N, C-alpha and C. Protein backbone atom coordinates (compact mmCIF):
# COMPACT_ATOMS: atom_id res chain seq x y z
N MET A 1 0.84 -1.18 0.00
CA MET A 1 0.00 0.00 0.00
C MET A 1 0.89 1.25 0.00
N LYS A 2 0.58 2.16 -0.87
CA LYS A 2 1.32 3.42 -0.92
C LYS A 2 0.78 4.36 0.15
N LEU A 3 1.69 4.93 0.92
CA LEU A 3 1.31 5.86 1.97
C LEU A 3 1.04 7.24 1.38
N LYS A 4 0.11 7.95 2.01
CA LYS A 4 -0.23 9.31 1.60
C LYS A 4 0.02 10.23 2.79
N PHE A 5 0.59 11.40 2.52
CA PHE A 5 0.87 12.38 3.55
C PHE A 5 0.12 13.66 3.21
N ILE A 6 -0.64 14.18 4.17
CA ILE A 6 -1.38 15.42 3.99
C ILE A 6 -0.87 16.42 5.02
N ASN A 7 -0.31 17.53 4.53
CA ASN A 7 0.27 18.54 5.39
C ASN A 7 -0.82 19.52 5.83
N LEU A 8 -1.19 19.45 7.09
CA LEU A 8 -2.23 20.32 7.65
C LEU A 8 -1.62 21.42 8.51
N THR A 9 -0.41 21.88 8.13
CA THR A 9 0.21 23.05 8.77
C THR A 9 0.14 24.21 7.77
N PRO A 10 0.40 25.43 8.23
CA PRO A 10 0.35 26.57 7.30
C PRO A 10 1.62 26.75 6.47
N HIS A 11 2.57 25.80 6.56
CA HIS A 11 3.86 25.93 5.88
C HIS A 11 4.19 24.67 5.09
N ASN A 12 4.93 24.84 4.00
CA ASN A 12 5.53 23.66 3.37
C ASN A 12 6.52 23.08 4.37
N ILE A 13 6.65 21.77 4.39
CA ILE A 13 7.58 21.10 5.30
C ILE A 13 8.71 20.52 4.45
N ASP A 14 9.92 21.05 4.64
CA ASP A 14 11.10 20.56 3.94
C ASP A 14 11.84 19.58 4.83
N VAL A 15 12.25 18.45 4.24
CA VAL A 15 13.00 17.42 4.97
C VAL A 15 14.41 17.36 4.39
N TYR A 16 15.39 17.32 5.30
CA TYR A 16 16.80 17.30 4.92
C TYR A 16 17.45 15.99 5.34
N ASN A 17 18.46 15.57 4.59
CA ASN A 17 19.22 14.39 5.01
C ASN A 17 20.35 14.83 5.94
N ASP A 18 21.16 13.86 6.39
CA ASP A 18 22.22 14.18 7.36
C ASP A 18 23.38 14.96 6.74
N LYS A 19 23.36 15.16 5.43
CA LYS A 19 24.38 15.97 4.76
C LYS A 19 23.92 17.41 4.56
N GLY A 20 22.70 17.72 5.04
CA GLY A 20 22.16 19.07 4.90
C GLY A 20 21.51 19.33 3.56
N GLU A 21 21.22 18.26 2.81
CA GLU A 21 20.58 18.41 1.50
C GLU A 21 19.07 18.20 1.63
N LYS A 22 18.32 19.11 1.00
CA LYS A 22 16.86 18.96 1.02
C LYS A 22 16.49 17.76 0.15
N ILE A 23 15.75 16.82 0.71
CA ILE A 23 15.41 15.60 -0.02
C ILE A 23 13.93 15.48 -0.34
N LYS A 24 13.11 16.26 0.33
CA LYS A 24 11.67 16.13 0.11
C LYS A 24 10.96 17.37 0.64
N THR A 25 9.88 17.75 -0.03
CA THR A 25 9.01 18.82 0.44
C THR A 25 7.59 18.30 0.49
N TYR A 26 6.94 18.51 1.62
CA TYR A 26 5.52 18.19 1.76
C TYR A 26 4.77 19.51 1.68
N PRO A 27 4.11 19.78 0.55
CA PRO A 27 3.45 21.08 0.39
C PRO A 27 2.25 21.22 1.32
N LYS A 28 2.02 22.46 1.76
CA LYS A 28 0.84 22.72 2.58
C LYS A 28 -0.39 22.40 1.77
N SER A 29 -1.42 21.90 2.43
CA SER A 29 -2.63 21.46 1.74
C SER A 29 -3.64 22.58 1.54
N GLY A 30 -3.47 23.68 2.26
CA GLY A 30 -4.46 24.75 2.20
C GLY A 30 -5.42 24.70 3.38
N LYS A 31 -5.41 23.59 4.12
CA LYS A 31 -6.19 23.47 5.36
C LYS A 31 -5.21 23.38 6.51
N VAL A 32 -5.59 23.96 7.64
CA VAL A 32 -4.73 23.95 8.81
C VAL A 32 -5.50 23.35 9.98
N ALA A 33 -5.00 22.24 10.50
CA ALA A 33 -5.61 21.62 11.67
C ALA A 33 -5.18 22.39 12.92
N ARG A 34 -6.13 22.66 13.77
CA ARG A 34 -5.86 23.38 15.00
C ARG A 34 -6.62 22.70 16.15
N ILE A 35 -6.34 23.14 17.35
CA ILE A 35 -7.05 22.66 18.53
C ILE A 35 -7.72 23.87 19.17
N GLN A 36 -9.01 23.72 19.49
CA GLN A 36 -9.69 24.80 20.21
C GLN A 36 -8.97 25.03 21.52
N ASP A 37 -8.86 26.30 21.91
CA ASP A 37 -8.23 26.58 23.19
C ASP A 37 -8.96 27.69 23.91
N ASP A 38 -8.78 27.69 25.21
CA ASP A 38 -9.38 28.71 26.05
C ASP A 38 -8.33 29.16 27.05
N VAL A 39 -8.05 30.46 27.09
CA VAL A 39 -7.05 31.00 28.00
C VAL A 39 -7.76 31.71 29.15
N THR A 40 -7.36 31.38 30.35
CA THR A 40 -7.87 32.04 31.55
C THR A 40 -6.71 32.79 32.20
N ILE A 41 -6.88 34.09 32.33
CA ILE A 41 -5.84 34.92 32.95
C ILE A 41 -5.90 34.70 34.46
N LYS A 42 -4.75 34.31 35.03
CA LYS A 42 -4.66 33.99 36.46
C LYS A 42 -4.03 35.11 37.28
N GLY A 43 -3.38 36.04 36.63
CA GLY A 43 -2.69 37.11 37.34
C GLY A 43 -1.71 37.79 36.42
N GLU A 44 -0.67 38.32 37.00
CA GLU A 44 0.35 38.97 36.19
C GLU A 44 1.71 38.85 36.86
N ILE A 45 2.74 38.93 36.03
CA ILE A 45 4.11 38.94 36.50
C ILE A 45 4.80 40.12 35.84
N ASP A 46 5.31 41.01 36.66
CA ASP A 46 6.01 42.20 36.17
C ASP A 46 5.12 43.02 35.22
N GLY A 47 3.82 43.06 35.53
CA GLY A 47 2.89 43.84 34.73
C GLY A 47 2.39 43.16 33.46
N VAL A 48 2.80 41.90 33.26
CA VAL A 48 2.40 41.16 32.06
C VAL A 48 1.39 40.08 32.48
N PRO A 49 0.20 40.03 31.82
CA PRO A 49 -0.78 39.01 32.17
C PRO A 49 -0.21 37.60 31.98
N VAL A 50 -0.58 36.70 32.90
CA VAL A 50 -0.18 35.30 32.84
C VAL A 50 -1.44 34.46 32.94
N GLY A 51 -1.56 33.52 32.02
CA GLY A 51 -2.76 32.70 32.02
C GLY A 51 -2.45 31.23 31.90
N THR A 52 -3.49 30.45 31.97
CA THR A 52 -3.39 29.02 31.71
C THR A 52 -4.23 28.72 30.48
N ILE A 53 -3.88 27.65 29.80
CA ILE A 53 -4.59 27.31 28.57
C ILE A 53 -5.19 25.92 28.71
N THR A 54 -6.41 25.80 28.25
CA THR A 54 -7.11 24.52 28.22
C THR A 54 -7.41 24.20 26.77
N TYR A 55 -7.06 22.99 26.34
CA TYR A 55 -7.28 22.60 24.95
C TYR A 55 -8.59 21.84 24.83
N GLY A 56 -9.25 22.03 23.70
CA GLY A 56 -10.52 21.38 23.44
C GLY A 56 -10.45 20.46 22.24
N LYS A 57 -11.45 20.56 21.40
CA LYS A 57 -11.60 19.67 20.25
C LYS A 57 -10.76 20.13 19.06
N PRO A 58 -10.40 19.18 18.20
CA PRO A 58 -9.67 19.56 16.99
C PRO A 58 -10.57 20.31 16.00
N ILE A 59 -9.95 21.17 15.23
CA ILE A 59 -10.64 21.93 14.18
C ILE A 59 -9.96 21.58 12.85
N ASP A 60 -10.75 21.24 11.85
CA ASP A 60 -10.24 20.92 10.50
C ASP A 60 -9.25 19.76 10.48
N LEU A 61 -9.47 18.77 11.34
CA LEU A 61 -8.66 17.56 11.34
C LEU A 61 -9.52 16.40 10.85
N PRO A 62 -9.19 15.82 9.70
CA PRO A 62 -9.98 14.71 9.19
C PRO A 62 -9.91 13.48 10.09
N ASP A 63 -10.88 12.62 9.94
CA ASP A 63 -10.85 11.34 10.64
C ASP A 63 -9.71 10.49 10.09
N PRO A 64 -9.22 9.54 10.89
CA PRO A 64 -8.16 8.66 10.39
C PRO A 64 -8.60 7.90 9.15
N GLN A 65 -7.65 7.69 8.25
CA GLN A 65 -7.86 6.88 7.04
C GLN A 65 -6.68 5.93 6.90
N GLU A 66 -6.95 4.73 6.50
CA GLU A 66 -5.88 3.75 6.34
C GLU A 66 -4.87 4.24 5.31
N GLY A 67 -3.59 4.18 5.67
CA GLY A 67 -2.52 4.56 4.75
C GLY A 67 -2.27 6.05 4.64
N VAL A 68 -2.94 6.86 5.48
CA VAL A 68 -2.79 8.31 5.42
C VAL A 68 -2.20 8.82 6.72
N TYR A 69 -1.15 9.63 6.59
CA TYR A 69 -0.57 10.33 7.72
C TYR A 69 -0.84 11.81 7.56
N TYR A 70 -1.22 12.45 8.65
CA TYR A 70 -1.48 13.88 8.65
C TYR A 70 -0.31 14.58 9.35
N ILE A 71 0.30 15.54 8.65
CA ILE A 71 1.38 16.33 9.23
C ILE A 71 0.71 17.53 9.92
N VAL A 72 0.90 17.61 11.23
CA VAL A 72 0.22 18.63 12.04
C VAL A 72 1.24 19.27 12.98
N SER A 73 0.82 20.31 13.65
CA SER A 73 1.68 20.95 14.65
C SER A 73 1.85 20.03 15.85
N MET A 74 2.88 20.29 16.63
CA MET A 74 3.12 19.51 17.83
C MET A 74 1.94 19.62 18.79
N VAL A 75 1.33 20.79 18.91
CA VAL A 75 0.20 20.98 19.81
C VAL A 75 -0.97 20.08 19.42
N VAL A 76 -1.28 20.02 18.14
CA VAL A 76 -2.37 19.16 17.68
C VAL A 76 -2.04 17.70 17.98
N ARG A 77 -0.84 17.28 17.64
CA ARG A 77 -0.44 15.88 17.87
C ARG A 77 -0.50 15.52 19.35
N GLN A 78 0.05 16.38 20.20
CA GLN A 78 0.08 16.07 21.63
C GLN A 78 -1.30 16.12 22.27
N ALA A 79 -2.21 16.90 21.71
CA ALA A 79 -3.56 16.98 22.27
C ALA A 79 -4.38 15.72 21.96
N LEU A 80 -3.90 14.92 21.01
CA LEU A 80 -4.64 13.72 20.59
C LEU A 80 -3.72 12.50 20.61
N PRO A 81 -3.26 12.10 21.80
CA PRO A 81 -2.28 11.01 21.88
C PRO A 81 -2.77 9.67 21.33
N GLU A 82 -4.07 9.50 21.23
CA GLU A 82 -4.63 8.24 20.70
C GLU A 82 -4.52 8.15 19.18
N ARG A 83 -4.25 9.26 18.51
CA ARG A 83 -4.16 9.29 17.06
C ARG A 83 -2.76 8.91 16.61
N LYS A 84 -2.59 7.73 16.07
CA LYS A 84 -1.28 7.24 15.61
C LYS A 84 -0.98 7.69 14.18
N ASP A 85 -1.94 8.37 13.54
CA ASP A 85 -1.77 8.84 12.16
C ASP A 85 -1.29 10.29 12.10
N LEU A 86 -0.99 10.89 13.26
CA LEU A 86 -0.54 12.28 13.30
C LEU A 86 0.97 12.32 13.50
N ILE A 87 1.64 13.09 12.66
CA ILE A 87 3.08 13.30 12.79
C ILE A 87 3.35 14.80 12.73
N SER A 88 4.42 15.20 13.40
CA SER A 88 4.79 16.62 13.35
C SER A 88 6.28 16.74 13.12
N PRO A 89 6.70 17.83 12.47
CA PRO A 89 8.13 18.03 12.23
C PRO A 89 8.87 18.17 13.55
N ASP A 90 10.04 17.57 13.64
CA ASP A 90 10.88 17.74 14.82
C ASP A 90 11.54 19.11 14.71
N THR A 91 11.07 20.05 15.52
CA THR A 91 11.64 21.40 15.51
C THR A 91 12.60 21.60 16.68
N SER A 92 13.03 20.49 17.27
CA SER A 92 14.01 20.54 18.35
C SER A 92 15.36 20.08 17.78
N LYS A 93 15.84 18.94 18.19
CA LYS A 93 17.15 18.46 17.72
C LYS A 93 17.16 18.12 16.24
N GLY A 94 15.99 17.86 15.66
CA GLY A 94 15.91 17.53 14.24
C GLY A 94 15.79 18.73 13.32
N ALA A 95 15.72 19.93 13.90
CA ALA A 95 15.54 21.14 13.09
C ALA A 95 16.79 21.48 12.29
N VAL A 96 16.57 21.95 11.07
CA VAL A 96 17.64 22.49 10.23
C VAL A 96 17.43 24.01 10.22
N ARG A 97 18.49 24.73 10.61
CA ARG A 97 18.36 26.19 10.77
C ARG A 97 19.33 26.94 9.86
N ASP A 98 18.96 28.19 9.55
CA ASP A 98 19.88 29.05 8.79
C ASP A 98 20.82 29.77 9.76
N GLU A 99 21.64 30.66 9.23
CA GLU A 99 22.65 31.36 10.03
C GLU A 99 22.03 32.22 11.13
N GLN A 100 20.81 32.68 10.93
CA GLN A 100 20.13 33.51 11.93
C GLN A 100 19.30 32.67 12.92
N GLY A 101 19.34 31.35 12.77
CA GLY A 101 18.62 30.48 13.68
C GLY A 101 17.19 30.16 13.28
N ARG A 102 16.77 30.67 12.13
CA ARG A 102 15.41 30.39 11.65
C ARG A 102 15.33 28.96 11.13
N ILE A 103 14.21 28.32 11.41
CA ILE A 103 14.02 26.93 10.96
C ILE A 103 13.75 26.90 9.47
N LEU A 104 14.55 26.10 8.77
CA LEU A 104 14.37 25.88 7.33
C LEU A 104 13.58 24.60 7.07
N GLY A 105 13.76 23.63 7.94
CA GLY A 105 13.11 22.33 7.76
C GLY A 105 13.47 21.40 8.90
N THR A 106 13.34 20.12 8.63
CA THR A 106 13.57 19.12 9.65
C THR A 106 14.28 17.90 9.05
N THR A 107 14.84 17.10 9.92
CA THR A 107 15.46 15.85 9.48
C THR A 107 14.59 14.65 9.80
N ARG A 108 13.49 14.89 10.52
CA ARG A 108 12.64 13.77 10.91
C ARG A 108 11.28 14.27 11.41
N PHE A 109 10.37 13.32 11.54
CA PHE A 109 9.06 13.57 12.12
C PHE A 109 8.99 12.93 13.51
N ILE A 110 8.06 13.42 14.31
CA ILE A 110 7.77 12.86 15.63
C ILE A 110 6.32 12.36 15.59
N SER A 111 6.10 11.19 16.17
CA SER A 111 4.74 10.62 16.20
C SER A 111 4.33 10.33 17.64
N ASN A 112 3.07 9.99 17.83
CA ASN A 112 2.56 9.61 19.16
C ASN A 112 2.91 8.18 19.46
């Protein structure tokens, strides 16, 4: 079975090999999966409001389909640990950065 990848982030996802060469691009699909959130302000620190966030239901996230992986943000993936079809770019140790530290892409995905 051929696997299908649907990028539900607002950016193209570029994947690099260990030599720093771009080997693949997953184009953005035009839809962005998000998680409903609610922020409650609890107080302030040094005059800056500080709140807590509660996550709710997914928005614009399709149901699982056999052979399909959805590329989503880390927040979406972590909010739905039961979903084994969600992957997100590794923006930590797997990140590929330019001279100014901006992320250009990743060397791997992270899954639940």
